[in-house]
Amino acid sequence: MTNSKYIISFDETPARLKITIPDRIRWSLLIIYTLALATWIAMIFVVISYLLRGQSTSLVLSALLVLWLLVWLLLGRFVWTRWQYQAAKREVIFIDEDQIVIRRPVSILGITTAYDIHHVSPFYISEKHNCPAFDYAYMHVYFGRSINPMEAQQLIDQLNTRLFPENEDDD
C-alpha cells in the first residue's frame, strides 16, 4: 500500500478488527451542505418565532406552518446527515463476530451504521462507484471511496479471507 497519500490502518484484538480508512474532504460539497444547514436552522427559528408570537389569526395558516415545520425537520435531518458525511476525515470499520459497523466520526458526532454479519455478502469493487462495497439485504453499502483501486483490492482480499474463507477457492 505504498505510493498513496491515504494509508489504511488495521488494529486487531481477539474481539474485533478495526480498520481506519482516511478520507478526503470534498470542500465544495461541504460548503454547499453548510449553507443548506445554516438556511435550515434560520428557517426553523423564523417559523417557530412566527408561531409563538401569535400573529397568525388563521387556524389554517398555523396548521400549514406546523405541517411545513415537520417536513422541514425531515429535510434538515437529511442535510445534517450529508453534512456529517462530507465533514468526516476518516471511515472506521469495526468487524466482530456479529456485526460490521461503519462509522464516519465528526468529533463526538458522526454517522454510524451497523450491519448483521450473517446478512452481508462477500466484499467486491463497485464498478459504478469505483470503491469497495458489500451487499446487505437489498442494498449496496459503499465505503473507502478515497482509496486507490490497488489498496481497495488488497482490503477486499483481506476482508474476504477473514470473513468468507469458504469462498476463497472460488476465485
Protein backbone atom coordinates (compact mmCIF):
# COMPACT_ATOMS: atom_id res chain seq x y z
CA MET A 1 0.00 0.00 0.00
CA THR A 2 2.74 2.40 -0.92
CA ASN A 3 2.61 5.36 -3.28
CA SER A 4 -0.61 6.54 -1.72
CA LYS A 5 -1.39 9.58 0.28
CA TYR A 6 -4.02 7.59 2.21
CA ILE A 7 -2.85 4.77 4.45
CA ILE A 8 -5.27 2.17 5.74
CA SER A 9 -4.56 1.07 9.30
CA PHE A 10 -5.58 -2.19 10.94
CA ASP A 11 -5.96 -2.77 14.68
CA GLU A 12 -6.91 -6.30 15.63
CA THR A 13 -7.89 -7.59 19.05
CA PRO A 14 -9.34 -11.00 19.88
CA ALA A 15 -12.83 -9.48 19.95
CA ARG A 16 -12.79 -7.32 16.82
CA LEU A 17 -10.97 -5.90 13.84
CA LYS A 18 -10.78 -2.12 13.47
CA ILE A 19 -9.95 -0.68 10.05
CA THR A 20 -9.35 3.05 9.67
CA ILE A 21 -9.55 4.48 6.16
CA PRO A 22 -8.56 8.16 5.81
CA ASP A 23 -10.88 10.18 3.62
CA ARG A 24 -10.51 13.49 1.86
CA ILE A 25 -12.87 16.36 2.48
CA ARG A 26 -14.73 17.48 -0.61
CA TRP A 27 -14.77 21.20 0.16
CA SER A 28 -17.28 22.21 -2.49
CA LEU A 29 -19.89 19.79 -1.17
CA LEU A 30 -19.10 20.65 2.45
CA ILE A 31 -19.65 24.37 1.72
CA ILE A 32 -22.94 23.66 -0.06
CA TYR A 33 -24.20 21.50 2.82
CA THR A 34 -23.00 24.06 5.38
CA LEU A 35 -25.01 26.79 3.62
CA ALA A 36 -28.03 24.48 3.40
CA LEU A 37 -27.70 23.68 7.11
CA ALA A 38 -27.47 27.39 8.03
CA THR A 39 -30.55 28.14 5.91
CA TRP A 40 -32.41 25.25 7.51
CA ILE A 41 -31.61 26.48 11.03
CA ALA A 42 -32.58 30.08 10.18
CA MET A 43 -35.92 28.99 8.73
CA ILE A 44 -36.68 26.87 11.81
CA PHE A 45 -36.24 29.96 14.02
CA VAL A 46 -38.30 32.18 11.69
CA VAL A 47 -41.27 29.80 11.60
CA ILE A 48 -41.19 28.98 15.32
CA SER A 49 -40.95 32.66 16.27
CA TYR A 50 -43.86 33.46 13.94
CA LEU A 51 -45.97 30.72 15.50
CA LEU A 52 -45.08 31.71 19.07
CA ARG A 53 -45.83 35.42 18.53
CA GLY A 54 -49.41 34.51 17.72
CA GLN A 55 -49.68 36.94 14.84
CA SER A 56 -51.44 34.38 12.73
CA THR A 57 -55.18 34.74 13.16
CA SER A 58 -55.90 31.93 10.77
CA LEU A 59 -56.00 28.42 12.18
CA VAL A 60 -55.45 27.02 8.69
CA LEU A 61 -52.28 29.08 8.22
CA SER A 62 -50.96 27.95 11.60
CA ALA A 63 -51.73 24.31 10.78
CA LEU A 64 -49.95 24.65 7.43
CA LEU A 65 -46.92 26.18 9.12
CA VAL A 66 -46.79 23.32 11.64
CA LEU A 67 -47.04 20.81 8.79
CA TRP A 68 -44.33 22.69 6.89
CA LEU A 69 -42.19 22.64 10.04
CA LEU A 70 -42.49 18.84 10.28
CA VAL A 71 -41.49 18.38 6.64
CA TRP A 72 -38.67 20.90 7.13
CA LEU A 73 -37.38 18.89 10.11
CA LEU A 74 -37.19 15.75 7.96
CA LEU A 75 -35.33 17.68 5.27
CA GLY A 76 -32.98 19.01 7.94
CA ARG A 77 -32.20 15.51 9.11
CA PHE A 78 -31.13 14.64 5.57
CA VAL A 79 -28.98 17.77 5.26
CA TRP A 80 -27.41 17.15 8.69
CA THR A 81 -26.52 13.57 7.73
CA ARG A 82 -25.00 14.65 4.41
CA TRP A 83 -23.02 17.41 6.17
CA GLN A 84 -21.59 14.91 8.66
CA TYR A 85 -20.69 12.55 5.82
CA GLN A 86 -18.79 15.29 3.98
CA ALA A 87 -17.08 16.65 7.12
CA ALA A 88 -15.63 13.30 8.24
CA LYS A 89 -11.91 12.88 7.68
CA ARG A 90 -11.93 9.11 8.04
CA GLU A 91 -14.05 5.99 8.00
CA VAL A 92 -13.67 3.48 10.80
CA ILE A 93 -14.91 -0.05 10.22
CA PHE A 94 -15.38 -2.38 13.17
CA ILE A 95 -15.84 -6.06 12.44
CA ASP A 96 -16.67 -8.59 15.13
CA GLU A 97 -18.38 -11.97 15.10
CA ASP A 98 -21.89 -10.46 15.00
CA GLN A 99 -21.75 -7.26 13.01
CA ILE A 100 -19.96 -4.81 10.77
CA VAL A 101 -20.09 -1.21 11.98
CA ILE A 102 -19.13 1.63 9.66
CA ARG A 103 -18.51 4.94 11.38
CA ARG A 104 -17.65 8.34 9.91
CA PRO A 105 -16.71 10.32 13.02
CA VAL A 106 -17.01 14.08 13.22
CA SER A 107 -15.83 15.00 16.72
CA ILE A 108 -18.29 13.22 19.04
CA LEU A 109 -20.92 13.27 16.32
CA GLY A 110 -20.94 11.31 13.13
CA ILE A 111 -22.73 8.70 11.14
CA THR A 112 -22.73 5.15 12.47
CA THR A 113 -24.39 2.25 10.72
CA ALA A 114 -24.35 -1.38 11.81
CA TYR A 115 -24.95 -4.46 9.68
CA ASP A 116 -25.63 -8.01 10.84
CA ILE A 117 -22.67 -10.09 9.67
CA HIS A 118 -24.93 -13.02 8.75
CA HIS A 119 -26.66 -10.96 6.04
CA VAL A 120 -23.52 -9.47 4.47
CA SER A 121 -22.31 -10.66 1.07
CA PRO A 122 -18.62 -11.06 0.20
CA PHE A 123 -16.87 -7.76 -0.47
CA TYR A 124 -16.29 -6.58 -4.04
CA ILE A 125 -15.26 -3.50 -6.03
CA SER A 126 -18.26 -1.49 -7.18
CA GLU A 127 -17.73 -0.64 -10.83
CA LYS A 128 -20.24 2.20 -10.67
CA HIS A 129 -18.67 3.95 -7.65
CA ASN A 130 -15.12 2.56 -8.02
CA CYS A 131 -14.82 1.68 -4.34
CA PRO A 132 -15.12 -1.34 -2.02
CA ALA A 133 -18.67 -2.47 -1.34
CA PHE A 134 -20.82 -5.27 0.00
CA ASP A 135 -24.47 -6.16 -0.28
CA TYR A 136 -26.65 -6.11 2.79
CA ALA A 137 -30.12 -7.49 2.22
CA TYR A 138 -31.48 -5.40 -0.67
CA MET A 139 -28.99 -2.53 -0.56
CA HIS A 140 -25.41 -1.89 -1.61
CA VAL A 141 -23.08 -0.47 1.05
CA TYR A 142 -20.10 1.53 -0.19
CA PHE A 143 -17.05 2.58 1.81
CA GLY A 144 -13.46 3.67 1.29
CA ARG A 145 -14.22 5.96 -1.64
CA SER A 146 -10.90 7.79 -1.37
CA ILE A 147 -8.52 4.84 -1.62
CA ASN A 148 -6.94 3.81 -4.89
CA PRO A 149 -8.05 0.62 -6.71
CA MET A 150 -4.96 -1.37 -5.68
CA GLU A 151 -5.49 -0.60 -1.99
CA ALA A 152 -9.19 -1.33 -2.37
CA GLN A 153 -8.49 -4.74 -3.89
CA GLN A 154 -5.98 -5.59 -1.13
CA LEU A 155 -8.52 -4.56 1.51
CA ILE A 156 -11.25 -6.63 -0.12
CA ASP A 157 -8.97 -9.67 -0.35
CA GLN A 158 -8.07 -9.39 3.35
CA LEU A 159 -11.68 -8.94 4.43
CA ASN A 160 -12.99 -11.80 2.27
CA THR A 161 -10.23 -14.11 3.51
CA ARG A 162 -11.14 -13.30 7.10
CA LEU A 163 -14.95 -13.28 6.82
CA PHE A 164 -15.66 -15.63 3.92
CA PRO A 165 -12.97 -18.33 3.90
CA GLU A 166 -15.35 -20.76 2.18
CA ASN A 167 -15.43 -18.50 -0.91
CA GLU A 168 -11.64 -18.21 -1.18
CA ASP A 169 -11.25 -21.17 -3.53
CA ASP A 170 -13.97 -19.80 -5.87
CA ASP A 171 -11.66 -17.10 -7.23
